[in-house]
Amino acid sequence: MPLTINLRHLERHSLNLEGELSAQELELENLDELIHVPGTIKYKISVQKIEQSILLQGLLEVVLHCECARCLKPFLLPLRLENWSFLMPLTGEEAVPVNNDIVDLTPPIREDILLGFPQHPLCEAGCSGLVSPLRGKPASSASKGHRTSGSSAWAALDKLKLKQD
């Protein structure tokens, strides 16, 4: 069920909302291969009407279940948006839909949670990647400029002699 408010309630005073939304309600499931949201998104926000807009302010929290982009190790990443704010215009080109004085607050919450997702989740900043089963060293060490013992993957191509016209 989406998080909605009645605009008539905002005419008298601001509202304080606290609760949880599921990943299904925010359509956050299966968006990324490395990031999953199995739990709920906690919110604690105040909603007030300012002229022809609705101002949302507060806190959004969720724990992301991630897989490291380098080593594929699973890890938890808490995402906490403190001092979060969003201005929802009621008029103009970017006006939010209003149905029978009801406004849905889930789109801006979803949008800002998605913007908080890491582009390349890492289990730790210095993660060196997968371990090569042949050498017992991280597979990414060759890309860092280190020469590994044995033949290179390019050695066969280096021996190739092409005809030049």
C-alpha atoms as a PDB file:
ATOM      1  CA  MET A   1       0.000   0.000   0.000  1.00  0.00           C
ATOM      2  CA  PRO A   2       1.542   3.342  -1.006  1.00  0.00           C
ATOM      3  CA  LEU A   3       2.208   6.109   1.476  1.00  0.00           C
ATOM      4  CA  THR A   4      -0.448   8.767   0.860  1.00  0.00           C
ATOM      5  CA  ILE A   5      -1.675  11.933   2.557  1.00  0.00           C
ATOM      6  CA  ASN A   6      -4.836  13.987   2.331  1.00  0.00           C
ATOM      7  CA  LEU A   7      -4.123  17.613   1.424  1.00  0.00           C
ATOM      8  CA  ARG A   8      -6.993  18.814   3.634  1.00  0.00           C
ATOM      9  CA  HIS A   9      -5.109  17.561   6.704  1.00  0.00           C
ATOM     10  CA  LEU A  10      -2.147  19.761   5.744  1.00  0.00           C
ATOM     11  CA  GLU A  11      -4.240  22.939   5.656  1.00  0.00           C
ATOM     12  CA  ARG A  12      -4.439  23.053   9.452  1.00  0.00           C
ATOM     13  CA  HIS A  13      -0.974  21.822  10.465  1.00  0.00           C
ATOM     14  CA  SER A  14       1.978  19.710   9.378  1.00  0.00           C
ATOM     15  CA  LEU A  15       1.921  15.925   9.733  1.00  0.00           C
ATOM     16  CA  ASN A  16       4.534  13.620  11.221  1.00  0.00           C
ATOM     17  CA  LEU A  17       4.673  10.176   9.655  1.00  0.00           C
ATOM     18  CA  GLU A  18       6.653   7.180  10.857  1.00  0.00           C
ATOM     19  CA  GLY A  19       6.560   3.632   9.578  1.00  0.00           C
ATOM     20  CA  GLU A  20       7.913   1.105   7.120  1.00  0.00           C
ATOM     21  CA  LEU A  21       7.424   0.401   3.429  1.00  0.00           C
ATOM     22  CA  SER A  22       8.258  -2.887   1.737  1.00  0.00           C
ATOM     23  CA  ALA A  23      10.557  -3.184  -1.262  1.00  0.00           C
ATOM     24  CA  GLN A  24       7.536  -4.346  -3.291  1.00  0.00           C
ATOM     25  CA  GLU A  25       5.592  -1.188  -2.416  1.00  0.00           C
ATOM     26  CA  LEU A  26       8.503   0.935  -3.638  1.00  0.00           C
ATOM     27  CA  GLU A  27       9.190  -1.376  -6.605  1.00  0.00           C
ATOM     28  CA  LEU A  28      12.807  -1.871  -5.525  1.00  0.00           C
ATOM     29  CA  GLU A  29      13.093  -5.618  -6.079  1.00  0.00           C
ATOM     30  CA  ASN A  30      15.274  -7.026  -8.896  1.00  0.00           C
ATOM     31  CA  LEU A  31      16.632  -3.656 -10.026  1.00  0.00           C
ATOM     32  CA  ASP A  32      20.303  -4.619  -9.800  1.00  0.00           C
ATOM     33  CA  GLU A  33      22.152  -7.930  -9.897  1.00  0.00           C
ATOM     34  CA  LEU A  34      24.456  -6.927  -7.035  1.00  0.00           C
ATOM     35  CA  ILE A  35      22.018  -5.018  -4.786  1.00  0.00           C
ATOM     36  CA  HIS A  36      18.891  -6.440  -3.158  1.00  0.00           C
ATOM     37  CA  VAL A  37      16.374  -4.943  -0.727  1.00  0.00           C
ATOM     38  CA  PRO A  38      14.830  -7.907   1.116  1.00  0.00           C
ATOM     39  CA  GLY A  39      13.710  -5.936   4.168  1.00  0.00           C
ATOM     40  CA  THR A  40      11.704  -2.803   4.700  1.00  0.00           C
ATOM     41  CA  ILE A  41      12.449   0.872   4.250  1.00  0.00           C
ATOM     42  CA  LYS A  42      11.943   2.798   7.481  1.00  0.00           C
ATOM     43  CA  TYR A  43      10.800   6.389   7.305  1.00  0.00           C
ATOM     44  CA  LYS A  44      10.310   9.161   9.816  1.00  0.00           C
ATOM     45  CA  ILE A  45       9.210  12.302   7.991  1.00  0.00           C
ATOM     46  CA  SER A  46       7.319  15.514   8.509  1.00  0.00           C
ATOM     47  CA  VAL A  47       4.997  16.737   5.770  1.00  0.00           C
ATOM     48  CA  GLN A  48       3.919  20.350   5.449  1.00  0.00           C
ATOM     49  CA  LYS A  49       2.236  22.457   2.818  1.00  0.00           C
ATOM     50  CA  ILE A  50       4.181  25.525   1.757  1.00  0.00           C
ATOM     51  CA  GLU A  51       2.236  27.725  -0.673  1.00  0.00           C
ATOM     52  CA  GLN A  52       1.581  25.490  -3.719  1.00  0.00           C
ATOM     53  CA  SER A  53       4.003  22.707  -2.745  1.00  0.00           C
ATOM     54  CA  ILE A  54       4.410  19.914  -0.233  1.00  0.00           C
ATOM     55  CA  LEU A  55       7.674  19.758   1.689  1.00  0.00           C
ATOM     56  CA  LEU A  56       8.868  16.371   2.947  1.00  0.00           C
ATOM     57  CA  GLN A  57      11.686  16.295   5.502  1.00  0.00           C
ATOM     58  CA  GLY A  58      13.096  13.562   7.653  1.00  0.00           C
ATOM     59  CA  LEU A  59      14.942  10.268   7.723  1.00  0.00           C
ATOM     60  CA  LEU A  60      14.950   7.264   5.370  1.00  0.00           C
ATOM     61  CA  GLU A  61      16.721   4.014   6.327  1.00  0.00           C
ATOM     62  CA  VAL A  62      17.232   0.657   4.631  1.00  0.00           C
ATOM     63  CA  VAL A  63      19.771  -2.173   4.806  1.00  0.00           C
ATOM     64  CA  LEU A  64      20.937  -3.249   1.364  1.00  0.00           C
ATOM     65  CA  HIS A  65      22.070  -6.827   0.764  1.00  0.00           C
ATOM     66  CA  CYS A  66      24.932  -6.468  -1.703  1.00  0.00           C
ATOM     67  CA  GLU A  67      27.477  -8.590  -3.516  1.00  0.00           C
ATOM     68  CA  CYS A  68      30.925  -7.072  -3.969  1.00  0.00           C
ATOM     69  CA  ALA A  69      31.505  -5.981  -7.579  1.00  0.00           C
ATOM     70  CA  ARG A  70      35.095  -7.289  -7.391  1.00  0.00           C
ATOM     71  CA  CYS A  71      35.035 -10.501  -5.336  1.00  0.00           C
ATOM     72  CA  LEU A  72      31.273 -11.307  -5.254  1.00  0.00           C
ATOM     73  CA  LYS A  73      31.357 -11.691  -1.466  1.00  0.00           C
ATOM     74  CA  PRO A  74      27.947 -10.896   0.092  1.00  0.00           C
ATOM     75  CA  PHE A  75      27.792  -8.031   2.594  1.00  0.00           C
ATOM     76  CA  LEU A  76      25.271  -5.696   4.226  1.00  0.00           C
ATOM     77  CA  LEU A  77      25.311  -1.984   3.484  1.00  0.00           C
ATOM     78  CA  PRO A  78      23.175   0.325   5.638  1.00  0.00           C
ATOM     79  CA  LEU A  79      21.764   3.248   3.659  1.00  0.00           C
ATOM     80  CA  ARG A  80      20.698   6.148   5.872  1.00  0.00           C
ATOM     81  CA  LEU A  81      19.426   9.392   4.372  1.00  0.00           C
ATOM     82  CA  GLU A  82      19.467  11.849   7.256  1.00  0.00           C
ATOM     83  CA  ASN A  83      18.104  15.354   6.822  1.00  0.00           C
ATOM     84  CA  TRP A  84      16.339  14.143   3.692  1.00  0.00           C
ATOM     85  CA  SER A  85      14.052  16.660   2.040  1.00  0.00           C
ATOM     86  CA  PHE A  86      11.946  16.767  -1.088  1.00  0.00           C
ATOM     87  CA  LEU A  87       9.704  19.520  -2.456  1.00  0.00           C
ATOM     88  CA  MET A  88       6.645  18.262  -4.349  1.00  0.00           C
ATOM     89  CA  PRO A  89       5.004  21.010  -6.466  1.00  0.00           C
ATOM     90  CA  LEU A  90       1.214  20.947  -6.672  1.00  0.00           C
ATOM     91  CA  THR A  91       1.041  23.240  -9.716  1.00  0.00           C
ATOM     92  CA  GLY A  92       3.046  23.720 -12.887  1.00  0.00           C
ATOM     93  CA  GLU A  93       4.735  21.302 -15.275  1.00  0.00           C
ATOM     94  CA  GLU A  94       6.226  19.113 -12.541  1.00  0.00           C
ATOM     95  CA  ALA A  95       3.074  18.977 -10.429  1.00  0.00           C
ATOM     96  CA  VAL A  96       2.417  15.714  -8.635  1.00  0.00           C
ATOM     97  CA  PRO A  97      -0.856  13.919  -9.392  1.00  0.00           C
ATOM     98  CA  VAL A  98      -3.652  14.724  -6.934  1.00  0.00           C
ATOM     99  CA  ASN A  99      -6.640  12.359  -6.837  1.00  0.00           C
ATOM    100  CA  ASN A 100      -9.532  13.404  -4.565  1.00  0.00           C
ATOM    101  CA  ASP A 101      -7.148  15.530  -2.448  1.00  0.00           C
ATOM    102  CA  ILE A 102      -4.837  12.502  -1.988  1.00  0.00           C
ATOM    103  CA  VAL A 103      -1.126  12.687  -2.861  1.00  0.00           C
ATOM    104  CA  ASP A 104       1.145   9.649  -3.105  1.00  0.00           C
ATOM    105  CA  LEU A 105       4.470  10.181  -1.296  1.00  0.00           C
ATOM    106  CA  THR A 106       6.122   6.936  -2.431  1.00  0.00           C
ATOM    107  CA  PRO A 107       7.652   8.184  -5.747  1.00  0.00           C
ATOM    108  CA  PRO A 108      10.073  10.696  -4.148  1.00  0.00           C
ATOM    109  CA  ILE A 109      11.023   8.181  -1.447  1.00  0.00           C
ATOM    110  CA  ARG A 110      11.715   5.531  -4.091  1.00  0.00           C
ATOM    111  CA  GLU A 111      13.680   7.975  -6.244  1.00  0.00           C
ATOM    112  CA  ASP A 112      16.008   9.088  -3.468  1.00  0.00           C
ATOM    113  CA  ILE A 113      16.549   5.540  -2.172  1.00  0.00           C
ATOM    114  CA  LEU A 114      17.591   4.538  -5.703  1.00  0.00           C
ATOM    115  CA  LEU A 115      19.946   7.511  -5.927  1.00  0.00           C
ATOM    116  CA  GLY A 116      21.571   6.279  -2.706  1.00  0.00           C
ATOM    117  CA  PHE A 117      22.419   2.863  -4.198  1.00  0.00           C
ATOM    118  CA  PRO A 118      26.168   2.429  -4.780  1.00  0.00           C
ATOM    119  CA  GLN A 119      27.179   2.192  -8.439  1.00  0.00           C
ATOM    120  CA  HIS A 120      29.781  -0.504  -7.731  1.00  0.00           C
ATOM    121  CA  PRO A 121      29.218  -2.013  -4.279  1.00  0.00           C
ATOM    122  CA  LEU A 122      32.489  -3.035  -2.613  1.00  0.00           C
ATOM    123  CA  CYS A 123      32.814  -5.182   0.500  1.00  0.00           C
ATOM    124  CA  GLU A 124      35.752  -2.962   1.517  1.00  0.00           C
ATOM    125  CA  ALA A 125      37.623  -0.128  -0.160  1.00  0.00           C
ATOM    126  CA  GLY A 126      40.775  -2.187  -0.686  1.00  0.00           C
ATOM    127  CA  CYS A 127      39.072  -5.291  -2.088  1.00  0.00           C
ATOM    128  CA  SER A 128      41.488  -6.911  -4.534  1.00  0.00           C
ATOM    129  CA  GLY A 129      38.940  -9.048  -6.333  1.00  0.00           C
ATOM    130  CA  LEU A 130      38.574 -12.739  -6.969  1.00  0.00           C
ATOM    131  CA  VAL A 131      41.442 -15.089  -6.170  1.00  0.00           C
ATOM    132  CA  SER A 132      42.883 -16.818  -9.223  1.00  0.00           C
ATOM    133  CA  PRO A 133      42.741 -20.598  -8.680  1.00  0.00           C
ATOM    134  CA  LEU A 134      46.020 -21.107 -10.598  1.00  0.00           C
ATOM    135  CA  ARG A 135      48.229 -18.593  -8.857  1.00  0.00           C
ATOM    136  CA  GLY A 136      46.467 -18.042  -5.528  1.00  0.00           C
ATOM    137  CA  LYS A 137      46.631 -14.294  -6.080  1.00  0.00           C
ATOM    138  CA  PRO A 138      43.850 -11.847  -6.809  1.00  0.00           C
ATOM    139  CA  ALA A 139      42.787 -12.036 -10.449  1.00  0.00           C
ATOM    140  CA  SER A 140      42.962  -8.265 -10.768  1.00  0.00           C
ATOM    141  CA  SER A 141      46.677  -8.063  -9.858  1.00  0.00           C
ATOM    142  CA  ALA A 142      47.692  -8.402 -13.520  1.00  0.00           C
ATOM    143  CA  SER A 143      45.628  -5.335 -14.344  1.00  0.00           C
ATOM    144  CA  LYS A 144      47.514  -3.323 -11.733  1.00  0.00           C
ATOM    145  CA  GLY A 145      50.762  -3.587 -13.703  1.00  0.00           C
ATOM    146  CA  HIS A 146      52.213  -6.586 -11.850  1.00  0.00           C
ATOM    147  CA  ARG A 147      53.818  -9.296 -14.003  1.00  0.00           C
ATOM    148  CA  THR A 148      52.800 -12.790 -13.086  1.00  0.00           C
ATOM    149  CA  SER A 149      55.060 -15.776 -13.513  1.00  0.00           C
ATOM    150  CA  GLY A 150      54.344 -17.995 -16.487  1.00  0.00           C
ATOM    151  CA  SER A 151      53.056 -17.124 -19.911  1.00  0.00           C
ATOM    152  CA  SER A 152      50.838 -14.176 -20.497  1.00  0.00           C
ATOM    153  CA  ALA A 153      47.443 -14.452 -22.128  1.00  0.00           C
ATOM    154  CA  TRP A 154      48.881 -12.278 -24.908  1.00  0.00           C
ATOM    155  CA  ALA A 155      51.998 -14.439 -25.473  1.00  0.00           C
ATOM    156  CA  ALA A 156      50.398 -16.450 -28.283  1.00  0.00           C
ATOM    157  CA  LEU A 157      49.306 -13.271 -30.039  1.00  0.00           C
ATOM    158  CA  ASP A 158      52.757 -11.714 -29.646  1.00  0.00           C
ATOM    159  CA  LYS A 159      54.219 -14.647 -31.631  1.00  0.00           C
ATOM    160  CA  LEU A 160      51.703 -14.217 -34.436  1.00  0.00           C
ATOM    161  CA  LYS A 161      53.238 -12.731 -37.580  1.00  0.00           C
ATOM    162  CA  LEU A 162      50.815 -10.936 -39.840  1.00  0.00           C
ATOM    163  CA  LYS A 163      51.448 -10.226 -43.521  1.00  0.00           C
ATOM    164  CA  GLN A 164      51.779  -6.572 -44.293  1.00  0.00           C
ATOM    165  CA  ASP A 165      50.697  -5.488 -47.763  1.00  0.00           C
END
